[in-house]
Amino acid sequence: NTGTVYKEGFYVYLAGRKRFSYPRASFYWEK
């Protein structure tokens, strides 16, 4: 995650074998 992992992007991100993030990046999961 280099900045924003929001909504549908959250599911794509979770698919990674390993998952990393920049320190000031943010996430938003929407059900």
PDB file of all heavy atoms in Angstrom:
ATOM      1  N   ASN A   1       0.855  -1.187   0.000  1.00  0.00           N
ATOM      2  CA  ASN A   1       0.000   0.000   0.000  1.00  0.00           C
ATOM      3  C   ASN A   1       0.889   1.235   0.000  1.00  0.00           C
ATOM      4  O   ASN A   1       1.589   1.506   0.975  1.00  0.00           O
ATOM      5  CB  ASN A   1      -0.908  -0.017   1.233  1.00  0.00           C
ATOM      6  CG  ASN A   1      -1.841   1.193   1.298  1.00  0.00           C
ATOM      7  OD1 ASN A   1      -1.777   2.091   0.474  1.00  0.00           O
ATOM      8  ND2 ASN A   1      -2.713   1.209   2.293  1.00  0.00           N
ATOM      9  N   THR A   2       0.854   1.984  -1.098  1.00  0.00           N
ATOM     10  CA  THR A   2       1.696   3.176  -1.197  1.00  0.00           C
ATOM     11  C   THR A   2       0.961   4.461  -0.811  1.00  0.00           C
ATOM     12  O   THR A   2       1.577   5.527  -0.768  1.00  0.00           O
ATOM     13  CB  THR A   2       2.246   3.340  -2.624  1.00  0.00           C
ATOM     14  OG1 THR A   2       1.156   3.529  -3.534  1.00  0.00           O
ATOM     15  CG2 THR A   2       3.048   2.120  -3.041  1.00  0.00           C
ATOM     16  N   GLY A   3      -0.330   4.366  -0.548  1.00  0.00           N
ATOM     17  CA  GLY A   3      -1.078   5.581  -0.204  1.00  0.00           C
ATOM     18  C   GLY A   3      -2.482   5.297   0.264  1.00  0.00           C
ATOM     19  O   GLY A   3      -2.867   5.610   1.396  1.00  0.00           O
ATOM     20  N   THR A   4      -3.296   4.709  -0.620  1.00  0.00           N
ATOM     21  CA  THR A   4      -4.681   4.410  -0.280  1.00  0.00           C
ATOM     22  C   THR A   4      -5.051   3.024  -0.799  1.00  0.00           C
ATOM     23  O   THR A   4      -4.893   2.726  -1.979  1.00  0.00           O
ATOM     24  CB  THR A   4      -5.652   5.438  -0.900  1.00  0.00           C
ATOM     25  OG1 THR A   4      -5.446   5.498  -2.321  1.00  0.00           O
ATOM     26  CG2 THR A   4      -5.437   6.824  -0.309  1.00  0.00           C
ATOM     27  N   VAL A   5      -5.557   2.202   0.099  1.00  0.00           N
ATOM     28  CA  VAL A   5      -6.150   0.916  -0.274  1.00  0.00           C
ATOM     29  C   VAL A   5      -7.587   0.970   0.249  1.00  0.00           C
ATOM     30  O   VAL A   5      -7.839   0.699   1.417  1.00  0.00           O
ATOM     31  CB  VAL A   5      -5.360  -0.268   0.322  1.00  0.00           C
ATOM     32  CG1 VAL A   5      -6.193  -1.536   0.286  1.00  0.00           C
ATOM     33  CG2 VAL A   5      -4.066  -0.485  -0.452  1.00  0.00           C
ATOM     34  N   TYR A   6      -8.506   1.375  -0.623  1.00  0.00           N
ATOM     35  CA  TYR A   6      -9.878   1.612  -0.216  1.00  0.00           C
ATOM     36  C   TYR A   6     -10.842   0.676  -0.937  1.00  0.00           C
ATOM     37  O   TYR A   6     -10.604   0.262  -2.080  1.00  0.00           O
ATOM     38  CB  TYR A   6     -10.299   3.056  -0.529  1.00  0.00           C
ATOM     39  CG  TYR A   6      -9.611   4.131   0.289  1.00  0.00           C
ATOM     40  CD1 TYR A   6      -9.841   5.474   0.018  1.00  0.00           C
ATOM     41  CD2 TYR A   6      -8.731   3.818   1.328  1.00  0.00           C
ATOM     42  CE1 TYR A   6      -9.220   6.484   0.751  1.00  0.00           C
ATOM     43  CE2 TYR A   6      -8.107   4.816   2.062  1.00  0.00           C
ATOM     44  CZ  TYR A   6      -8.353   6.148   1.779  1.00  0.00           C
ATOM     45  OH  TYR A   6      -7.733   7.134   2.503  1.00  0.00           O
ATOM     46  N   LYS A   7     -11.926   0.351  -0.228  1.00  0.00           N
ATOM     47  CA  LYS A   7     -13.069  -0.386  -0.783  1.00  0.00           C
ATOM     48  C   LYS A   7     -12.621  -1.653  -1.513  1.00  0.00           C
ATOM     49  O   LYS A   7     -12.002  -2.527  -0.904  1.00  0.00           O
ATOM     50  CB  LYS A   7     -13.892   0.554  -1.671  1.00  0.00           C
ATOM     51  CG  LYS A   7     -14.438   1.770  -0.890  1.00  0.00           C
ATOM     52  CD  LYS A   7     -15.179   2.747  -1.756  1.00  0.00           C
ATOM     53  CE  LYS A   7     -16.515   2.227  -2.194  1.00  0.00           C
ATOM     54  NZ  LYS A   7     -17.320   3.267  -2.885  1.00  0.00           N
ATOM     55  N   GLU A   8     -12.888  -1.768  -2.804  1.00  0.00           N
ATOM     56  CA  GLU A   8     -12.548  -2.997  -3.534  1.00  0.00           C
ATOM     57  C   GLU A   8     -11.040  -3.273  -3.532  1.00  0.00           C
ATOM     58  O   GLU A   8     -10.603  -4.430  -3.584  1.00  0.00           O
ATOM     59  CB  GLU A   8     -13.075  -2.930  -4.965  1.00  0.00           C
ATOM     60  CG  GLU A   8     -14.581  -2.942  -5.093  1.00  0.00           C
ATOM     61  CD  GLU A   8     -15.229  -1.589  -4.829  1.00  0.00           C
ATOM     62  OE1 GLU A   8     -14.481  -0.582  -4.751  1.00  0.00           O
ATOM     63  OE2 GLU A   8     -16.468  -1.528  -4.698  1.00  0.00           O
ATOM     64  N   GLY A   9     -10.249  -2.207  -3.455  1.00  0.00           N
ATOM     65  CA  GLY A   9      -8.806  -2.372  -3.388  1.00  0.00           C
ATOM     66  C   GLY A   9      -8.350  -3.108  -2.131  1.00  0.00           C
ATOM     67  O   GLY A   9      -7.290  -3.746  -2.122  1.00  0.00           O
ATOM     68  N   PHE A  10      -9.150  -3.033  -1.083  1.00  0.00           N
ATOM     69  CA  PHE A  10      -8.837  -3.717   0.169  1.00  0.00           C
ATOM     70  C   PHE A  10      -8.759  -5.224  -0.044  1.00  0.00           C
ATOM     71  O   PHE A  10      -7.869  -5.899   0.482  1.00  0.00           O
ATOM     72  CB  PHE A  10      -9.912  -3.374   1.205  1.00  0.00           C
ATOM     73  CG  PHE A  10      -9.629  -3.849   2.598  1.00  0.00           C
ATOM     74  CD1 PHE A  10      -8.791  -3.127   3.443  1.00  0.00           C
ATOM     75  CD2 PHE A  10     -10.220  -5.007   3.095  1.00  0.00           C
ATOM     76  CE1 PHE A  10      -8.538  -3.554   4.742  1.00  0.00           C
ATOM     77  CE2 PHE A  10      -9.972  -5.441   4.385  1.00  0.00           C
ATOM     78  CZ  PHE A  10      -9.134  -4.716   5.216  1.00  0.00           C
ATOM     79  N   TYR A  11      -9.687  -5.763  -0.849  1.00  0.00           N
ATOM     80  CA  TYR A  11      -9.701  -7.207  -1.102  1.00  0.00           C
ATOM     81  C   TYR A  11      -8.508  -7.622  -1.952  1.00  0.00           C
ATOM     82  O   TYR A  11      -7.908  -8.681  -1.715  1.00  0.00           O
ATOM     83  CB  TYR A  11     -11.020  -7.613  -1.765  1.00  0.00           C
ATOM     84  CG  TYR A  11     -12.229  -7.248  -0.941  1.00  0.00           C
ATOM     85  CD1 TYR A  11     -13.173  -6.326  -1.416  1.00  0.00           C
ATOM     86  CD2 TYR A  11     -12.431  -7.800   0.314  1.00  0.00           C
ATOM     87  CE1 TYR A  11     -14.276  -5.975  -0.651  1.00  0.00           C
ATOM     88  CE2 TYR A  11     -13.534  -7.446   1.093  1.00  0.00           C
ATOM     89  CZ  TYR A  11     -14.445  -6.535   0.601  1.00  0.00           C
ATOM     90  OH  TYR A  11     -15.529  -6.193   1.363  1.00  0.00           O
ATOM     91  N   VAL A  12      -8.161  -6.796  -2.938  1.00  0.00           N
ATOM     92  CA  VAL A  12      -6.979  -7.083  -3.755  1.00  0.00           C
ATOM     93  C   VAL A  12      -5.739  -7.118  -2.865  1.00  0.00           C
ATOM     94  O   VAL A  12      -4.912  -8.038  -2.960  1.00  0.00           O
ATOM     95  CB  VAL A  12      -6.805  -6.021  -4.869  1.00  0.00           C
ATOM     96  CG1 VAL A  12      -5.492  -6.239  -5.609  1.00  0.00           C
ATOM     97  CG2 VAL A  12      -7.986  -6.066  -5.842  1.00  0.00           C
ATOM     98  N   TYR A  13      -5.626  -6.156  -1.989  1.00  0.00           N
ATOM     99  CA  TYR A  13      -4.474  -6.080  -1.090  1.00  0.00           C
ATOM    100  C   TYR A  13      -4.365  -7.332  -0.224  1.00  0.00           C
ATOM    101  O   TYR A  13      -3.262  -7.870  -0.027  1.00  0.00           O
ATOM    102  CB  TYR A  13      -4.604  -4.831  -0.213  1.00  0.00           C
ATOM    103  CG  TYR A  13      -3.475  -4.635   0.770  1.00  0.00           C
ATOM    104  CD1 TYR A  13      -2.281  -4.046   0.374  1.00  0.00           C
ATOM    105  CD2 TYR A  13      -3.616  -5.043   2.096  1.00  0.00           C
ATOM    106  CE1 TYR A  13      -1.240  -3.863   1.280  1.00  0.00           C
ATOM    107  CE2 TYR A  13      -2.586  -4.863   3.011  1.00  0.00           C
ATOM    108  CZ  TYR A  13      -1.403  -4.277   2.599  1.00  0.00           C
ATOM    109  OH  TYR A  13      -0.376  -4.112   3.495  1.00  0.00           O
ATOM    110  N   LEU A  14      -5.488  -7.805   0.302  1.00  0.00           N
ATOM    111  CA  LEU A  14      -5.478  -8.969   1.195  1.00  0.00           C
ATOM    112  C   LEU A  14      -5.025 -10.245   0.507  1.00  0.00           C
ATOM    113  O   LEU A  14      -4.628 -11.201   1.169  1.00  0.00           O
ATOM    114  CB  LEU A  14      -6.870  -9.196   1.793  1.00  0.00           C
ATOM    115  CG  LEU A  14      -7.344  -8.206   2.848  1.00  0.00           C
ATOM    116  CD1 LEU A  14      -8.722  -8.627   3.362  1.00  0.00           C
ATOM    117  CD2 LEU A  14      -6.354  -8.103   4.006  1.00  0.00           C
ATOM    118  N   ALA A  15      -5.073 -10.278  -0.814  1.00  0.00           N
ATOM    119  CA  ALA A  15      -4.698 -11.488  -1.545  1.00  0.00           C
ATOM    120  C   ALA A  15      -3.192 -11.714  -1.563  1.00  0.00           C
ATOM    121  O   ALA A  15      -2.730 -12.821  -1.881  1.00  0.00           O
ATOM    122  CB  ALA A  15      -5.226 -11.419  -2.978  1.00  0.00           C
ATOM    123  N   GLY A  16      -2.397 -10.703  -1.211  1.00  0.00           N
ATOM    124  CA  GLY A  16      -0.947 -10.822  -1.284  1.00  0.00           C
ATOM    125  C   GLY A  16      -0.398 -11.901  -0.365  1.00  0.00           C
ATOM    126  O   GLY A  16      -0.880 -12.070   0.759  1.00  0.00           O
ATOM    127  N   ARG A  17       0.629 -12.620  -0.838  1.00  0.00           N
ATOM    128  CA  ARG A  17       1.295 -13.627  -0.005  1.00  0.00           C
ATOM    129  C   ARG A  17       1.913 -12.970   1.227  1.00  0.00           C
ATOM    130  O   ARG A  17       1.878 -13.512   2.320  1.00  0.00           O
ATOM    131  CB  ARG A  17       2.370 -14.334  -0.838  1.00  0.00           C
ATOM    132  CG  ARG A  17       3.006 -15.540  -0.181  1.00  0.00           C
ATOM    133  CD  ARG A  17       2.169 -16.785  -0.333  1.00  0.00           C
ATOM    134  NE  ARG A  17       1.870 -17.064  -1.733  1.00  0.00           N
ATOM    135  CZ  ARG A  17       2.634 -17.802  -2.543  1.00  0.00           C
ATOM    136  NH1 ARG A  17       3.768 -18.325  -2.078  1.00  0.00           N
ATOM    137  NH2 ARG A  17       2.277 -18.031  -3.795  1.00  0.00           N
ATOM    138  N   LYS A  18       2.529 -11.798   1.014  1.00  0.00           N
ATOM    139  CA  LYS A  18       2.966 -10.933   2.095  1.00  0.00           C
ATOM    140  C   LYS A  18       2.446  -9.537   1.787  1.00  0.00           C
ATOM    141  O   LYS A  18       2.329  -9.152   0.627  1.00  0.00           O
ATOM    142  CB  LYS A  18       4.489 -10.913   2.222  1.00  0.00           C
ATOM    143  CG  LYS A  18       5.084 -12.237   2.684  1.00  0.00           C
ATOM    144  CD  LYS A  18       6.601 -12.123   2.856  1.00  0.00           C
ATOM    145  CE  LYS A  18       7.201 -13.441   3.323  1.00  0.00           C
ATOM    146  NZ  LYS A  18       8.678 -13.353   3.496  1.00  0.00           N
ATOM    147  N   ARG A  19       2.145  -8.779   2.841  1.00  0.00           N
ATOM    148  CA  ARG A  19       1.500  -7.485   2.641  1.00  0.00           C
ATOM    149  C   ARG A  19       2.267  -6.399   3.407  1.00  0.00           C
ATOM    150  O   ARG A  19       2.506  -6.528   4.609  1.00  0.00           O
ATOM    151  CB  ARG A  19       0.036  -7.555   3.108  1.00  0.00           C
ATOM    152  CG  ARG A  19      -0.744  -8.664   2.423  1.00  0.00           C
ATOM    153  CD  ARG A  19      -2.211  -8.655   2.787  1.00  0.00           C
ATOM    154  NE  ARG A  19      -2.484  -8.929   4.174  1.00  0.00           N
ATOM    155  CZ  ARG A  19      -2.687 -10.139   4.679  1.00  0.00           C
ATOM    156  NH1 ARG A  19      -2.607 -11.218   3.910  1.00  0.00           N
ATOM    157  NH2 ARG A  19      -2.968 -10.306   5.969  1.00  0.00           N
ATOM    158  N   PHE A  20       2.627  -5.342   2.679  1.00  0.00           N
ATOM    159  CA  PHE A  20       3.420  -4.257   3.246  1.00  0.00           C
ATOM    160  C   PHE A  20       2.681  -2.932   3.077  1.00  0.00           C
ATOM    161  O   PHE A  20       1.748  -2.821   2.280  1.00  0.00           O
ATOM    162  CB  PHE A  20       4.790  -4.182   2.555  1.00  0.00           C
ATOM    163  CG  PHE A  20       5.590  -5.462   2.650  1.00  0.00           C
ATOM    164  CD1 PHE A  20       5.456  -6.444   1.677  1.00  0.00           C
ATOM    165  CD2 PHE A  20       6.448  -5.681   3.709  1.00  0.00           C
ATOM    166  CE1 PHE A  20       6.185  -7.628   1.759  1.00  0.00           C
ATOM    167  CE2 PHE A  20       7.179  -6.860   3.805  1.00  0.00           C
ATOM    168  CZ  PHE A  20       7.045  -7.838   2.826  1.00  0.00           C
ATOM    169  N   SER A  21       3.120  -1.937   3.832  1.00  0.00           N
ATOM    170  CA  SER A  21       2.486  -0.617   3.728  1.00  0.00           C
ATOM    171  C   SER A  21       3.508   0.481   3.967  1.00  0.00           C
ATOM    172  O   SER A  21       4.422   0.337   4.786  1.00  0.00           O
ATOM    173  CB  SER A  21       1.364  -0.481   4.759  1.00  0.00           C
ATOM    174  OG  SER A  21       0.785   0.815   4.718  1.00  0.00           O
ATOM    175  N   TYR A  22       3.347   1.595   3.241  1.00  0.00           N
ATOM    176  CA  TYR A  22       4.092   2.806   3.564  1.00  0.00           C
ATOM    177  C   TYR A  22       3.587   3.317   4.922  1.00  0.00           C
ATOM    178  O   TYR A  22       2.418   3.113   5.277  1.00  0.00           O
ATOM    179  CB  TYR A  22       3.876   3.867   2.497  1.00  0.00           C
ATOM    180  CG  TYR A  22       4.626   3.642   1.199  1.00  0.00           C
ATOM    181  CD1 TYR A  22       5.244   2.427   0.901  1.00  0.00           C
ATOM    182  CD2 TYR A  22       4.719   4.672   0.255  1.00  0.00           C
ATOM    183  CE1 TYR A  22       5.931   2.246  -0.288  1.00  0.00           C
ATOM    184  CE2 TYR A  22       5.407   4.493  -0.933  1.00  0.00           C
ATOM    185  CZ  TYR A  22       6.007   3.280  -1.204  1.00  0.00           C
ATOM    186  OH  TYR A  22       6.687   3.105  -2.387  1.00  0.00           O
ATOM    187  N   PRO A  23       4.435   4.026   5.681  1.00  0.00           N
ATOM    188  CA  PRO A  23       4.056   4.423   7.041  1.00  0.00           C
ATOM    189  C   PRO A  23       2.803   5.291   7.143  1.00  0.00           C
ATOM    190  O   PRO A  23       2.031   5.171   8.095  1.00  0.00           O
ATOM    191  CB  PRO A  23       5.294   5.184   7.540  1.00  0.00           C
ATOM    192  CG  PRO A  23       6.422   4.652   6.729  1.00  0.00           C
ATOM    193  CD  PRO A  23       5.836   4.363   5.375  1.00  0.00           C
ATOM    194  N   ARG A  24       2.582   6.174   6.166  1.00  0.00           N
ATOM    195  CA  ARG A  24       1.441   7.094   6.255  1.00  0.00           C
ATOM    196  C   ARG A  24       0.305   6.716   5.301  1.00  0.00           C
ATOM    197  O   ARG A  24      -0.603   7.507   5.046  1.00  0.00           O
ATOM    198  CB  ARG A  24       1.906   8.535   5.996  1.00  0.00           C
ATOM    199  CG  ARG A  24       2.823   9.042   7.085  1.00  0.00           C
ATOM    200  CD  ARG A  24       3.429  10.395   6.764  1.00  0.00           C
ATOM    201  NE  ARG A  24       4.330  10.816   7.812  1.00  0.00           N
ATOM    202  CZ  ARG A  24       5.590  10.403   7.960  1.00  0.00           C
ATOM    203  NH1 ARG A  24       6.087   9.533   7.072  1.00  0.00           N
ATOM    204  NH2 ARG A  24       6.346  10.819   8.948  1.00  0.00           N
ATOM    205  N   ALA A  25       0.348   5.515   4.800  1.00  0.00           N
ATOM    206  CA  ALA A  25      -0.742   5.027   3.950  1.00  0.00           C
ATOM    207  C   ALA A  25      -1.981   4.755   4.801  1.00  0.00           C
ATOM    208  O   ALA A  25      -1.904   4.644   6.031  1.00  0.00           O
ATOM    209  CB  ALA A  25      -0.310   3.761   3.220  1.00  0.00           C
ATOM    210  N   SER A  26      -3.116   4.654   4.153  1.00  0.00           N
ATOM    211  CA  SER A  26      -4.364   4.392   4.876  1.00  0.00           C
ATOM    212  C   SER A  26      -5.171   3.311   4.174  1.00  0.00           C
ATOM    213  O   SER A  26      -4.961   3.010   2.992  1.00  0.00           O
ATOM    214  CB  SER A  26      -5.201   5.673   4.999  1.00  0.00           C
ATOM    215  OG  SER A  26      -5.500   6.208   3.722  1.00  0.00           O
ATOM    216  N   PHE A  27      -6.083   2.731   4.926  1.00  0.00           N
ATOM    217  CA  PHE A  27      -6.911   1.633   4.451  1.00  0.00           C
ATOM    218  C   PHE A  27      -8.381   1.944   4.741  1.00  0.00           C
ATOM    219  O   PHE A  27      -8.696   2.580   5.752  1.00  0.00           O
ATOM    220  CB  PHE A  27      -6.567   0.329   5.187  1.00  0.00           C
ATOM    221  CG  PHE A  27      -5.161  -0.154   4.984  1.00  0.00           C
ATOM    222  CD1 PHE A  27      -4.101   0.443   5.663  1.00  0.00           C
ATOM    223  CD2 PHE A  27      -4.891  -1.229   4.141  1.00  0.00           C
ATOM    224  CE1 PHE A  27      -2.793  -0.014   5.492  1.00  0.00           C
ATOM    225  CE2 PHE A  27      -3.597  -1.698   3.965  1.00  0.00           C
ATOM    226  CZ  PHE A  27      -2.553  -1.081   4.643  1.00  0.00           C
ATOM    227  N   TYR A  28      -9.257   1.486   3.855  1.00  0.00           N
ATOM    228  CA  TYR A  28     -10.686   1.570   4.143  1.00  0.00           C
ATOM    229  C   TYR A  28     -11.379   0.319   3.610  1.00  0.00           C
ATOM    230  O   TYR A  28     -11.332   0.034   2.409  1.00  0.00           O
ATOM    231  CB  TYR A  28     -11.326   2.807   3.506  1.00  0.00           C
ATOM    232  CG  TYR A  28     -12.818   2.881   3.740  1.00  0.00           C
ATOM    233  CD1 TYR A  28     -13.339   2.897   5.031  1.00  0.00           C
ATOM    234  CD2 TYR A  28     -13.712   2.900   2.666  1.00  0.00           C
ATOM    235  CE1 TYR A  28     -14.702   2.942   5.257  1.00  0.00           C
ATOM    236  CE2 TYR A  28     -15.081   2.945   2.885  1.00  0.00           C
ATOM    237  CZ  TYR A  28     -15.572   2.969   4.177  1.00  0.00           C
ATOM    238  OH  TYR A  28     -16.923   3.004   4.392  1.00  0.00           O
ATOM    239  N   TRP A  29     -11.963  -0.411   4.532  1.00  0.00           N
ATOM    240  CA  TRP A  29     -12.753  -1.587   4.174  1.00  0.00           C
ATOM    241  C   TRP A  29     -14.236  -1.232   4.287  1.00  0.00           C
ATOM    242  O   TRP A  29     -14.675  -0.658   5.279  1.00  0.00           O
ATOM    243  CB  TRP A  29     -12.415  -2.759   5.102  1.00  0.00           C
ATOM    244  CG  TRP A  29     -13.493  -3.775   5.180  1.00  0.00           C
ATOM    245  CD1 TRP A  29     -13.940  -4.581   4.178  1.00  0.00           C
ATOM    246  CD2 TRP A  29     -14.290  -4.067   6.324  1.00  0.00           C
ATOM    247  NE1 TRP A  29     -14.972  -5.368   4.632  1.00  0.00           N
ATOM    248  CE2 TRP A  29     -15.203  -5.076   5.949  1.00  0.00           C
ATOM    249  CE3 TRP A  29     -14.328  -3.597   7.639  1.00  0.00           C
ATOM    250  CZ2 TRP A  29     -16.135  -5.613   6.828  1.00  0.00           C
ATOM    251  CZ3 TRP A  29     -15.252  -4.122   8.517  1.00  0.00           C
ATOM    252  CH2 TRP A  29     -16.140  -5.113   8.106  1.00  0.00           C
ATOM    253  N   GLU A  30     -15.001  -1.546   3.266  1.00  0.00           N
ATOM    254  CA  GLU A  30     -16.442  -1.280   3.249  1.00  0.00           C
ATOM    255  C   GLU A  30     -17.180  -2.575   2.963  1.00  0.00           C
ATOM    256  O   GLU A  30     -16.899  -3.259   1.987  1.00  0.00           O
ATOM    257  CB  GLU A  30     -16.777  -0.241   2.172  1.00  0.00           C
ATOM    258  CG  GLU A  30     -18.236   0.159   2.144  1.00  0.00           C
ATOM    259  CD  GLU A  30     -18.489   1.256   1.121  1.00  0.00           C
ATOM    260  OE1 GLU A  30     -18.480   0.953  -0.083  1.00  0.00           O
ATOM    261  OE2 GLU A  30     -18.676   2.410   1.528  1.00  0.00           O
ATOM    262  N   LYS A  31     -18.142  -2.904   3.838  1.00  0.00           N
ATOM    263  CA  LYS A  31     -18.828  -4.198   3.747  1.00  0.00           C
ATOM    264  C   LYS A  31     -19.936  -4.208   2.702  1.00  0.00           C
ATOM    265  O   LYS A  31     -20.214  -5.247   2.095  1.00  0.00           O
ATOM    266  CB  LYS A  31     -19.386  -4.581   5.120  1.00  0.00           C
ATOM    267  CG  LYS A  31     -19.941  -5.999   5.178  1.00  0.00           C
ATOM    268  CD  LYS A  31     -20.092  -6.467   6.617  1.00  0.00           C
ATOM    269  CE  LYS A  31     -21.091  -5.662   7.389  1.00  0.00           C
ATOM    270  NZ  LYS A  31     -21.318  -6.193   8.748  1.00  0.00           N
TER     271      LYS A  31
END
